[in-house]
Amino acid sequence: MAQEKVWDQEYTRGLFITGGNEPQADTRDFVKFLKKQNVPISGTHVLDLGSGTGRNSIYFAELGAHVSGIEISSVALREAEKQTKDKGLDITYLHKSMGENLPFKDNSFDIVLDVTSSNSLTEEERDIYIQETNRVLKPSGWFYIKALCKDGDKNAQNLLKSNLGKEKDTYTMPETNIIERVWSREYFEEFYGKYFKIVELQKKTNYSRFNNQSYKRNFWIAYSRNM
């Protein structure tokens, strides 16, 4: 699996990964949005792509959802399973890349989450990821995407100049060797719009931590529905 070793190292060293077990405010905002749309969380089936140490999986499970998590890093999975067991929850975690065919039936999930998880995929893997998400998500199901924004982001522009990757709009993070992809609004809408109706798209500025320092970053937050 592409990038498995570098993510294992990252979850061990924690240079880039933000600590803590609570979901991000943006994820909580998505849940608030769903509630305003009269979409129930309890009883729904949720797929967490790139589930990491389980912070979002656990959050949705605590709200009553049936959750499955896909994660490339065995180090992260062990922590997720520990946290889940400690909380007495039932979550299915799979050690697998989200850029491969998924072991689920068509129309299995009501909600799919991609919280800055697909950034490290190759173009080939990304094509599989988008097709598989479309396949396993129910018609009119919700797809939450948080991705790195290229537009107006000085850190992204600097990294594209100094650590340019092999594929379009990618770079390699220094010290970690993690590959990231940043998105222009035009290409984000083009890529995801092939399969999903983007109901709401926001550009938000947050702070990412790297090696105990904070960096201002721009993100796309998309609330999408399967067509």
Foldseek 3Di string as FASTA:
>chain_A
DPCQVLVQVCLVVVQFDDDDQADDPLLVVVVVVCVVVVNQLADFEEEEEQCFLNSSVVVSVVSHYAYEYEHQYPNRVVNNVVVCVVVVTDYHYDNDHLLDADPDQFQQGQEYEAAQPCFQDDPNSVVSNLVNVLGNHHAFGKYKHKAFAPPPFPVLVVQCVPANDPDPQWGADPPSRRIGHHDYPVVVCVVNVVFKAFPDKDKDWDWTGGNNDTGITIIIITIITGD
